[in-house]
Amino acid sequence: MPELKALIFDVDGTLADTEKDGHRVAFNLAFADAGLDWDWTVDIYGDLLSVTGGKERMKHFLDKYNPAFDQPEDLDSYIADMHKAKTAHYTRLLSQGLIPLRPGVKRILNEAREKGLRLAIATTTTPANVEALLVHTLGEESMDWFEVIAAGDIVPAKKPAPDIYDWALEKMNLKAEDCIAFEDSHNGILSSLGASLTTIITINGYTKDHDFTGAAIVLDQYGEPDSPFTVLAGDADGFTYLNIDMIKALHAA
């Protein structure tokens, strides 16, 4: 049976609950700075999350919700500039401690490092967003914890395509059977399963009703020793919070 060698994490919604009170707020602040009356409500943003990638999300918003918008001649550059402004707002929110890690994340990362497991990230968010989250929640040194940070436009096809996971596996010189992935959404698990990765799911408010067929287990959170998770699908085999022993058991199963 293959030995577990690495953990590969999605970021938004998985490491931290970043969407509703992080990215959504930052987008709206960037729109206001640009003098736009675009307002991504909680419900609208939930719908936009069906599209992966912030720049892609803005284009989808224009197509679906604001087709009358007088688009500039170079829409791609316009959206790219807007996305840079949004990233600046998002980084500021992180620096103010407004977007904490989800329960259990820091503990699991520390356990993995203590036990010699390799760490990687596979996400559609930008490298700048990943760095901001890690630095402001775990410290500057955490950037060195992750052997590979596969993020943003590093591959042309974003999730649900498996490309970002395939790229991370290639860079780490590992096979899918050597690793386990951590996701929170339907697009995420389509991507990880497409790369043949065993996948652990933790839901959030936006993804609680998603289809997670094929997941090794679906949890409401990773939990802590004094704050157990709730199992939504799968078998926790007597564990009450996610730790490396449980992760290894799920990988072996």
C-alpha atoms as a PDB file:
ATOM      1  CA  MET A   1       0.000   0.000   0.000  1.00  0.00           C
ATOM      2  CA  PRO A   2       1.433   3.454  -0.952  1.00  0.00           C
ATOM      3  CA  GLU A   3       2.777   5.525   1.937  1.00  0.00           C
ATOM      4  CA  LEU A   4       1.320   8.970   2.518  1.00  0.00           C
ATOM      5  CA  LYS A   5       4.039  11.479   1.663  1.00  0.00           C
ATOM      6  CA  ALA A   6       2.326  14.835   1.111  1.00  0.00           C
ATOM      7  CA  LEU A   7      -0.734  16.931   1.895  1.00  0.00           C
ATOM      8  CA  ILE A   8      -2.032  19.291  -0.806  1.00  0.00           C
ATOM      9  CA  PHE A   9      -4.362  22.078   0.288  1.00  0.00           C
ATOM     10  CA  ASP A  10      -6.825  24.279  -1.503  1.00  0.00           C
ATOM     11  CA  VAL A  11      -6.888  27.780   0.024  1.00  0.00           C
ATOM     12  CA  ASP A  12     -10.145  29.739  -0.174  1.00  0.00           C
ATOM     13  CA  GLY A  13     -12.763  28.078   1.997  1.00  0.00           C
ATOM     14  CA  THR A  14     -10.337  25.328   3.006  1.00  0.00           C
ATOM     15  CA  LEU A  15      -7.499  26.970   4.932  1.00  0.00           C
ATOM     16  CA  ALA A  16      -9.677  29.961   5.820  1.00  0.00           C
ATOM     17  CA  ASP A  17     -13.279  30.982   5.249  1.00  0.00           C
ATOM     18  CA  THR A  18     -12.187  33.752   2.916  1.00  0.00           C
ATOM     19  CA  GLU A  19     -15.047  34.156   0.482  1.00  0.00           C
ATOM     20  CA  LYS A  20     -18.037  35.949   2.049  1.00  0.00           C
ATOM     21  CA  ASP A  21     -16.219  38.348   4.373  1.00  0.00           C
ATOM     22  CA  GLY A  22     -12.899  38.494   2.506  1.00  0.00           C
ATOM     23  CA  HIS A  23     -12.828  38.308  -1.273  1.00  0.00           C
ATOM     24  CA  ARG A  24     -16.430  39.500  -1.703  1.00  0.00           C
ATOM     25  CA  VAL A  25     -15.847  42.568   0.466  1.00  0.00           C
ATOM     26  CA  ALA A  26     -12.551  43.321  -1.296  1.00  0.00           C
ATOM     27  CA  PHE A  27     -14.200  43.133  -4.718  1.00  0.00           C
ATOM     28  CA  ASN A  28     -16.915  45.575  -3.642  1.00  0.00           C
ATOM     29  CA  LEU A  29     -14.317  47.996  -2.256  1.00  0.00           C
ATOM     30  CA  ALA A  30     -12.405  47.882  -5.544  1.00  0.00           C
ATOM     31  CA  PHE A  31     -15.604  48.500  -7.495  1.00  0.00           C
ATOM     32  CA  ALA A  32     -16.422  51.517  -5.306  1.00  0.00           C
ATOM     33  CA  ASP A  33     -12.900  52.908  -5.803  1.00  0.00           C
ATOM     34  CA  ALA A  34     -13.449  52.695  -9.545  1.00  0.00           C
ATOM     35  CA  GLY A  35     -16.739  54.583  -9.281  1.00  0.00           C
ATOM     36  CA  LEU A  36     -18.811  51.544 -10.217  1.00  0.00           C
ATOM     37  CA  ASP A  37     -22.192  50.752  -8.712  1.00  0.00           C
ATOM     38  CA  TRP A  38     -21.571  46.996  -8.855  1.00  0.00           C
ATOM     39  CA  ASP A  39     -22.648  45.338  -5.612  1.00  0.00           C
ATOM     40  CA  TRP A  40     -21.813  41.685  -5.076  1.00  0.00           C
ATOM     41  CA  THR A  41     -24.329  40.673  -2.433  1.00  0.00           C
ATOM     42  CA  VAL A  42     -23.859  37.468  -0.446  1.00  0.00           C
ATOM     43  CA  ASP A  43     -26.298  35.683  -2.755  1.00  0.00           C
ATOM     44  CA  ILE A  44     -24.832  37.022  -5.985  1.00  0.00           C
ATOM     45  CA  TYR A  45     -21.342  36.104  -4.862  1.00  0.00           C
ATOM     46  CA  GLY A  46     -22.528  32.620  -3.990  1.00  0.00           C
ATOM     47  CA  ASP A  47     -23.722  32.243  -7.569  1.00  0.00           C
ATOM     48  CA  LEU A  48     -20.489  33.698  -8.980  1.00  0.00           C
ATOM     49  CA  LEU A  49     -18.479  31.100  -7.061  1.00  0.00           C
ATOM     50  CA  SER A  50     -19.581  28.554  -9.659  1.00  0.00           C
ATOM     51  CA  VAL A  51     -16.852  30.169 -11.773  1.00  0.00           C
ATOM     52  CA  THR A  52     -13.278  29.748 -10.552  1.00  0.00           C
ATOM     53  CA  GLY A  53     -10.816  32.646 -10.693  1.00  0.00           C
ATOM     54  CA  GLY A  54     -11.485  36.275  -9.753  1.00  0.00           C
ATOM     55  CA  LYS A  55     -10.935  37.737 -13.213  1.00  0.00           C
ATOM     56  CA  GLU A  56     -13.121  35.052 -14.741  1.00  0.00           C
ATOM     57  CA  ARG A  57     -15.756  35.790 -12.097  1.00  0.00           C
ATOM     58  CA  MET A  58     -15.903  39.458 -13.070  1.00  0.00           C
ATOM     59  CA  LYS A  59     -16.441  38.565 -16.731  1.00  0.00           C
ATOM     60  CA  HIS A  60     -19.190  36.161 -15.751  1.00  0.00           C
ATOM     61  CA  PHE A  61     -20.808  38.896 -13.644  1.00  0.00           C
ATOM     62  CA  LEU A  62     -20.895  41.235 -16.637  1.00  0.00           C
ATOM     63  CA  ASP A  63     -22.361  38.554 -18.892  1.00  0.00           C
ATOM     64  CA  LYS A  64     -25.051  37.451 -16.445  1.00  0.00           C
ATOM     65  CA  TYR A  65     -25.860  40.409 -14.209  1.00  0.00           C
ATOM     66  CA  ASN A  66     -24.693  43.531 -16.030  1.00  0.00           C
ATOM     67  CA  PRO A  67     -24.790  43.022 -19.809  1.00  0.00           C
ATOM     68  CA  ALA A  68     -25.644  46.711 -20.350  1.00  0.00           C
ATOM     69  CA  PHE A  69     -22.268  47.814 -18.936  1.00  0.00           C
ATOM     70  CA  ASP A  70     -20.325  49.879 -21.475  1.00  0.00           C
ATOM     71  CA  GLN A  71     -17.253  47.688 -21.677  1.00  0.00           C
ATOM     72  CA  PRO A  72     -13.870  49.285 -22.403  1.00  0.00           C
ATOM     73  CA  GLU A  73     -12.093  48.293 -25.595  1.00  0.00           C
ATOM     74  CA  ASP A  74      -9.451  46.327 -23.674  1.00  0.00           C
ATOM     75  CA  LEU A  75     -11.692  44.514 -21.204  1.00  0.00           C
ATOM     76  CA  ASP A  76      -8.975  42.075 -20.154  1.00  0.00           C
ATOM     77  CA  SER A  77      -6.650  44.864 -18.992  1.00  0.00           C
ATOM     78  CA  TYR A  78      -9.507  46.677 -17.284  1.00  0.00           C
ATOM     79  CA  ILE A  79     -10.441  43.571 -15.332  1.00  0.00           C
ATOM     80  CA  ALA A  80      -6.806  42.771 -14.539  1.00  0.00           C
ATOM     81  CA  ASP A  81      -6.347  46.268 -13.055  1.00  0.00           C
ATOM     82  CA  MET A  82      -9.548  45.884 -11.056  1.00  0.00           C
ATOM     83  CA  HIS A  83      -8.326  42.540  -9.766  1.00  0.00           C
ATOM     84  CA  LYS A  84      -5.035  44.108  -8.603  1.00  0.00           C
ATOM     85  CA  ALA A  85      -6.997  46.744  -6.684  1.00  0.00           C
ATOM     86  CA  LYS A  86      -9.158  44.030  -5.154  1.00  0.00           C
ATOM     87  CA  THR A  87      -6.056  42.077  -4.067  1.00  0.00           C
ATOM     88  CA  ALA A  88      -4.729  45.169  -2.271  1.00  0.00           C
ATOM     89  CA  HIS A  89      -7.976  45.464  -0.305  1.00  0.00           C
ATOM     90  CA  TYR A  90      -7.954  41.743   0.466  1.00  0.00           C
ATOM     91  CA  THR A  91      -4.390  41.924   1.770  1.00  0.00           C
ATOM     92  CA  ARG A  92      -5.361  44.833   4.019  1.00  0.00           C
ATOM     93  CA  LEU A  93      -8.276  42.854   5.464  1.00  0.00           C
ATOM     94  CA  LEU A  94      -5.888  39.994   6.223  1.00  0.00           C
ATOM     95  CA  SER A  95      -3.365  42.322   7.855  1.00  0.00           C
ATOM     96  CA  GLN A  96      -6.106  43.521  10.200  1.00  0.00           C
ATOM     97  CA  GLY A  97      -6.740  39.955  11.362  1.00  0.00           C
ATOM     98  CA  LEU A  98     -10.243  39.884   9.915  1.00  0.00           C
ATOM     99  CA  ILE A  99      -9.828  36.537   8.133  1.00  0.00           C
ATOM    100  CA  PRO A 100      -8.544  33.833  10.537  1.00  0.00           C
ATOM    101  CA  LEU A 101      -7.609  30.271   9.654  1.00  0.00           C
ATOM    102  CA  ARG A 102     -10.342  27.669  10.039  1.00  0.00           C
ATOM    103  CA  PRO A 103     -10.286  25.553  13.222  1.00  0.00           C
ATOM    104  CA  GLY A 104      -7.631  22.841  13.190  1.00  0.00           C
ATOM    105  CA  VAL A 105      -5.660  24.146  10.198  1.00  0.00           C
ATOM    106  CA  LYS A 106      -2.620  25.419  12.083  1.00  0.00           C
ATOM    107  CA  ARG A 107      -2.495  22.299  14.262  1.00  0.00           C
ATOM    108  CA  ILE A 108      -2.664  19.966  11.250  1.00  0.00           C
ATOM    109  CA  LEU A 109       0.081  21.858   9.413  1.00  0.00           C
ATOM    110  CA  ASN A 110       2.332  21.702  12.472  1.00  0.00           C
ATOM    111  CA  GLU A 111       1.626  17.974  12.967  1.00  0.00           C
ATOM    112  CA  ALA A 112       2.410  17.277   9.332  1.00  0.00           C
ATOM    113  CA  ARG A 113       5.739  19.089   9.561  1.00  0.00           C
ATOM    114  CA  GLU A 114       6.640  17.290  12.801  1.00  0.00           C
ATOM    115  CA  LYS A 115       5.945  13.925  11.141  1.00  0.00           C
ATOM    116  CA  GLY A 116       7.966  14.729   8.026  1.00  0.00           C
ATOM    117  CA  LEU A 117       5.070  15.040   5.592  1.00  0.00           C
ATOM    118  CA  ARG A 118       5.540  17.352   2.638  1.00  0.00           C
ATOM    119  CA  LEU A 119       3.119  20.248   2.093  1.00  0.00           C
ATOM    120  CA  ALA A 120       1.802  21.921  -1.039  1.00  0.00           C
ATOM    121  CA  ILE A 121      -0.959  24.258  -2.154  1.00  0.00           C
ATOM    122  CA  ALA A 122      -3.151  23.959  -5.253  1.00  0.00           C
ATOM    123  CA  THR A 123      -5.523  26.876  -5.729  1.00  0.00           C
ATOM    124  CA  THR A 124      -7.116  29.143  -8.311  1.00  0.00           C
ATOM    125  CA  THR A 125      -6.471  32.253  -6.216  1.00  0.00           C
ATOM    126  CA  THR A 126      -3.447  34.412  -6.984  1.00  0.00           C
ATOM    127  CA  PRO A 127       0.023  33.830  -5.478  1.00  0.00           C
ATOM    128  CA  ALA A 128      -0.276  37.241  -3.808  1.00  0.00           C
ATOM    129  CA  ASN A 129      -3.469  36.182  -2.039  1.00  0.00           C
ATOM    130  CA  VAL A 130      -1.880  32.932  -0.877  1.00  0.00           C
ATOM    131  CA  GLU A 131       1.169  34.739   0.486  1.00  0.00           C
ATOM    132  CA  ALA A 132      -0.973  37.340   2.250  1.00  0.00           C
ATOM    133  CA  LEU A 133      -3.067  34.684   3.973  1.00  0.00           C
ATOM    134  CA  LEU A 134      -0.091  32.590   5.063  1.00  0.00           C
ATOM    135  CA  VAL A 135       2.034  35.497   6.266  1.00  0.00           C
ATOM    136  CA  HIS A 136      -0.744  37.214   8.208  1.00  0.00           C
ATOM    137  CA  THR A 137      -2.038  34.027   9.867  1.00  0.00           C
ATOM    138  CA  LEU A 138       1.078  31.866  10.274  1.00  0.00           C
ATOM    139  CA  GLY A 139       3.991  34.275   9.947  1.00  0.00           C
ATOM    140  CA  GLU A 140       6.622  34.957   7.279  1.00  0.00           C
ATOM    141  CA  GLU A 141       8.329  31.626   7.876  1.00  0.00           C
ATOM    142  CA  SER A 142       5.231  29.706   6.751  1.00  0.00           C
ATOM    143  CA  MET A 143       6.008  30.476   3.115  1.00  0.00           C
ATOM    144  CA  ASP A 144       8.849  27.984   3.431  1.00  0.00           C
ATOM    145  CA  TRP A 145       6.600  25.246   4.845  1.00  0.00           C
ATOM    146  CA  PHE A 146       5.075  24.595   1.423  1.00  0.00           C
ATOM    147  CA  GLU A 147       7.321  22.888  -1.087  1.00  0.00           C
ATOM    148  CA  VAL A 148       5.086  23.935  -3.979  1.00  0.00           C
ATOM    149  CA  ILE A 149       2.540  26.736  -4.220  1.00  0.00           C
ATOM    150  CA  ALA A 150       0.515  26.111  -7.366  1.00  0.00           C
ATOM    151  CA  ALA A 151      -1.675  29.186  -7.702  1.00  0.00           C
ATOM    152  CA  GLY A 152      -3.524  31.487 -10.053  1.00  0.00           C
ATOM    153  CA  ASP A 153      -2.753  31.460 -13.748  1.00  0.00           C
ATOM    154  CA  ILE A 154       0.167  29.033 -13.521  1.00  0.00           C
ATOM    155  CA  VAL A 155      -1.933  26.624 -15.607  1.00  0.00           C
ATOM    156  CA  PRO A 156      -4.403  27.803 -18.288  1.00  0.00           C
ATOM    157  CA  ALA A 157      -7.334  25.609 -17.194  1.00  0.00           C
ATOM    158  CA  LYS A 158      -8.523  26.354 -13.660  1.00  0.00           C
ATOM    159  CA  LYS A 159     -10.595  24.127 -11.392  1.00  0.00           C
ATOM    160  CA  PRO A 160     -12.687  22.023 -12.013  1.00  0.00           C
ATOM    161  CA  ALA A 161      -9.945  20.964 -14.437  1.00  0.00           C
ATOM    162  CA  PRO A 162      -7.307  18.817 -12.675  1.00  0.00           C
ATOM    163  CA  ASP A 163      -4.404  20.779 -14.172  1.00  0.00           C
ATOM    164  CA  ILE A 164      -3.386  22.657 -11.026  1.00  0.00           C
ATOM    165  CA  TYR A 165      -3.087  19.402  -9.062  1.00  0.00           C
ATOM    166  CA  ASP A 166      -1.296  17.669 -11.920  1.00  0.00           C
ATOM    167  CA  TRP A 167       1.176  20.561 -12.019  1.00  0.00           C
ATOM    168  CA  ALA A 168       1.808  20.365  -8.256  1.00  0.00           C
ATOM    169  CA  LEU A 169       2.344  16.597  -8.402  1.00  0.00           C
ATOM    170  CA  GLU A 170       4.779  16.979 -11.276  1.00  0.00           C
ATOM    171  CA  LYS A 171       6.789  19.662  -9.461  1.00  0.00           C
ATOM    172  CA  MET A 172       6.973  17.490  -6.322  1.00  0.00           C
ATOM    173  CA  ASN A 173       7.824  14.397  -8.371  1.00  0.00           C
ATOM    174  CA  LEU A 174       5.042  12.500  -6.619  1.00  0.00           C
ATOM    175  CA  LYS A 175       2.211  10.257  -7.749  1.00  0.00           C
ATOM    176  CA  ALA A 176      -1.397  10.916  -6.789  1.00  0.00           C
ATOM    177  CA  GLU A 177      -1.368   7.783  -4.623  1.00  0.00           C
ATOM    178  CA  ASP A 178       1.384   9.367  -2.487  1.00  0.00           C
ATOM    179  CA  CYS A 179      -0.790  12.332  -1.510  1.00  0.00           C
ATOM    180  CA  ILE A 180      -4.112  13.456  -0.102  1.00  0.00           C
ATOM    181  CA  ALA A 181      -5.989  16.633  -1.052  1.00  0.00           C
ATOM    182  CA  PHE A 182      -8.066  19.013   1.043  1.00  0.00           C
ATOM    183  CA  GLU A 183     -10.974  20.814  -0.605  1.00  0.00           C
ATOM    184  CA  ASP A 184     -14.243  22.578   0.203  1.00  0.00           C
ATOM    185  CA  SER A 185     -16.259  22.844  -3.018  1.00  0.00           C
ATOM    186  CA  HIS A 186     -17.743  20.862  -5.908  1.00  0.00           C
ATOM    187  CA  ASN A 187     -15.323  22.424  -8.401  1.00  0.00           C
ATOM    188  CA  GLY A 188     -12.498  21.631  -6.010  1.00  0.00           C
ATOM    189  CA  ILE A 189     -13.297  17.952  -5.661  1.00  0.00           C
ATOM    190  CA  LEU A 190     -13.837  17.612  -9.406  1.00  0.00           C
ATOM    191  CA  SER A 191     -10.308  18.960  -9.805  1.00  0.00           C
ATOM    192  CA  SER A 192      -8.691  16.765  -7.141  1.00  0.00           C
ATOM    193  CA  LEU A 193     -10.529  13.608  -8.182  1.00  0.00           C
ATOM    194  CA  GLY A 194      -9.654  14.394 -11.775  1.00  0.00           C
ATOM    195  CA  ALA A 195      -6.030  14.157 -10.669  1.00  0.00           C
ATOM    196  CA  SER A 196      -6.847  10.841  -8.917  1.00  0.00           C
ATOM    197  CA  LEU A 197      -6.283  12.265  -5.433  1.00  0.00           C
ATOM    198  CA  THR A 198      -7.985  10.966  -2.302  1.00  0.00           C
ATOM    199  CA  THR A 199      -9.841  14.019  -1.011  1.00  0.00           C
ATOM    200  CA  ILE A 200     -10.989  15.272   2.395  1.00  0.00           C
ATOM    201  CA  ILE A 201     -13.793  17.838   2.306  1.00  0.00           C
ATOM    202  CA  THR A 202     -14.704  20.526   4.810  1.00  0.00           C
ATOM    203  CA  ILE A 203     -17.801  22.473   3.851  1.00  0.00           C
ATOM    204  CA  ASN A 204     -18.552  26.150   4.410  1.00  0.00           C
ATOM    205  CA  GLY A 205     -21.653  28.296   4.146  1.00  0.00           C
ATOM    206  CA  TYR A 206     -21.406  28.549   0.376  1.00  0.00           C
ATOM    207  CA  THR A 207     -20.664  24.871  -0.272  1.00  0.00           C
ATOM    208  CA  LYS A 208     -22.791  23.009   2.280  1.00  0.00           C
ATOM    209  CA  ASP A 209     -25.196  21.806  -0.425  1.00  0.00           C
ATOM    210  CA  HIS A 210     -22.546  20.860  -3.012  1.00  0.00           C
ATOM    211  CA  ASP A 211     -22.190  17.372  -4.433  1.00  0.00           C
ATOM    212  CA  PHE A 212     -19.126  15.706  -2.888  1.00  0.00           C
ATOM    213  CA  THR A 213     -19.517  12.272  -4.415  1.00  0.00           C
ATOM    214  CA  GLY A 214     -16.172  10.493  -4.269  1.00  0.00           C
ATOM    215  CA  ALA A 215     -14.824  12.236  -1.168  1.00  0.00           C
ATOM    216  CA  ALA A 216     -13.018  10.127   1.420  1.00  0.00           C
ATOM    217  CA  ILE A 217     -15.011  12.001   4.079  1.00  0.00           C
ATOM    218  CA  VAL A 218     -17.092  15.188   4.317  1.00  0.00           C
ATOM    219  CA  LEU A 219     -16.807  17.228   7.534  1.00  0.00           C
ATOM    220  CA  ASP A 220     -18.271  20.487   8.754  1.00  0.00           C
ATOM    221  CA  GLN A 221     -14.790  21.467  10.006  1.00  0.00           C
ATOM    222  CA  TYR A 222     -11.471  19.843  10.937  1.00  0.00           C
ATOM    223  CA  GLY A 223     -12.273  20.243  14.615  1.00  0.00           C
ATOM    224  CA  GLU A 224     -10.077  20.481  17.688  1.00  0.00           C
ATOM    225  CA  PRO A 225      -9.651  18.151  20.698  1.00  0.00           C
ATOM    226  CA  ASP A 226     -12.201  20.217  22.628  1.00  0.00           C
ATOM    227  CA  SER A 227     -14.403  21.032  19.621  1.00  0.00           C
ATOM    228  CA  PRO A 228     -15.318  17.906  17.607  1.00  0.00           C
ATOM    229  CA  PHE A 229     -16.268  17.904  13.949  1.00  0.00           C
ATOM    230  CA  THR A 230     -19.566  16.642  12.562  1.00  0.00           C
ATOM    231  CA  VAL A 231     -19.316  13.919   9.925  1.00  0.00           C
ATOM    232  CA  LEU A 232     -21.627  14.696   7.004  1.00  0.00           C
ATOM    233  CA  ALA A 233     -20.601  11.730   4.840  1.00  0.00           C
ATOM    234  CA  GLY A 234     -18.123   8.912   5.311  1.00  0.00           C
ATOM    235  CA  ASP A 235     -16.658   7.171   8.341  1.00  0.00           C
ATOM    236  CA  ALA A 236     -14.415   8.893  10.887  1.00  0.00           C
ATOM    237  CA  ASP A 237     -13.495   5.515  12.435  1.00  0.00           C
ATOM    238  CA  GLY A 238     -13.839   6.802  15.991  1.00  0.00           C
ATOM    239  CA  PHE A 239     -11.894  10.050  15.503  1.00  0.00           C
ATOM    240  CA  THR A 240     -13.538  13.252  16.712  1.00  0.00           C
ATOM    241  CA  TYR A 241     -11.142  15.778  15.166  1.00  0.00           C
ATOM    242  CA  LEU A 242      -8.911  15.581  12.123  1.00  0.00           C
ATOM    243  CA  ASN A 243      -5.275  14.788  12.841  1.00  0.00           C
ATOM    244  CA  ILE A 244      -2.445  13.100  10.972  1.00  0.00           C
ATOM    245  CA  ASP A 245      -3.388   9.646  12.231  1.00  0.00           C
ATOM    246  CA  MET A 246      -6.909  10.075  10.854  1.00  0.00           C
ATOM    247  CA  ILE A 247      -5.562  11.503   7.590  1.00  0.00           C
ATOM    248  CA  LYS A 248      -3.293   8.471   7.185  1.00  0.00           C
ATOM    249  CA  ALA A 249      -6.202   6.129   7.889  1.00  0.00           C
ATOM    250  CA  LEU A 250      -8.351   7.828   5.240  1.00  0.00           C
ATOM    251  CA  HIS A 251      -5.461   7.664   2.770  1.00  0.00           C
ATOM    252  CA  ALA A 252      -4.942   3.962   3.457  1.00  0.00           C
ATOM    253  CA  ALA A 253      -8.648   3.216   3.059  1.00  0.00           C
END
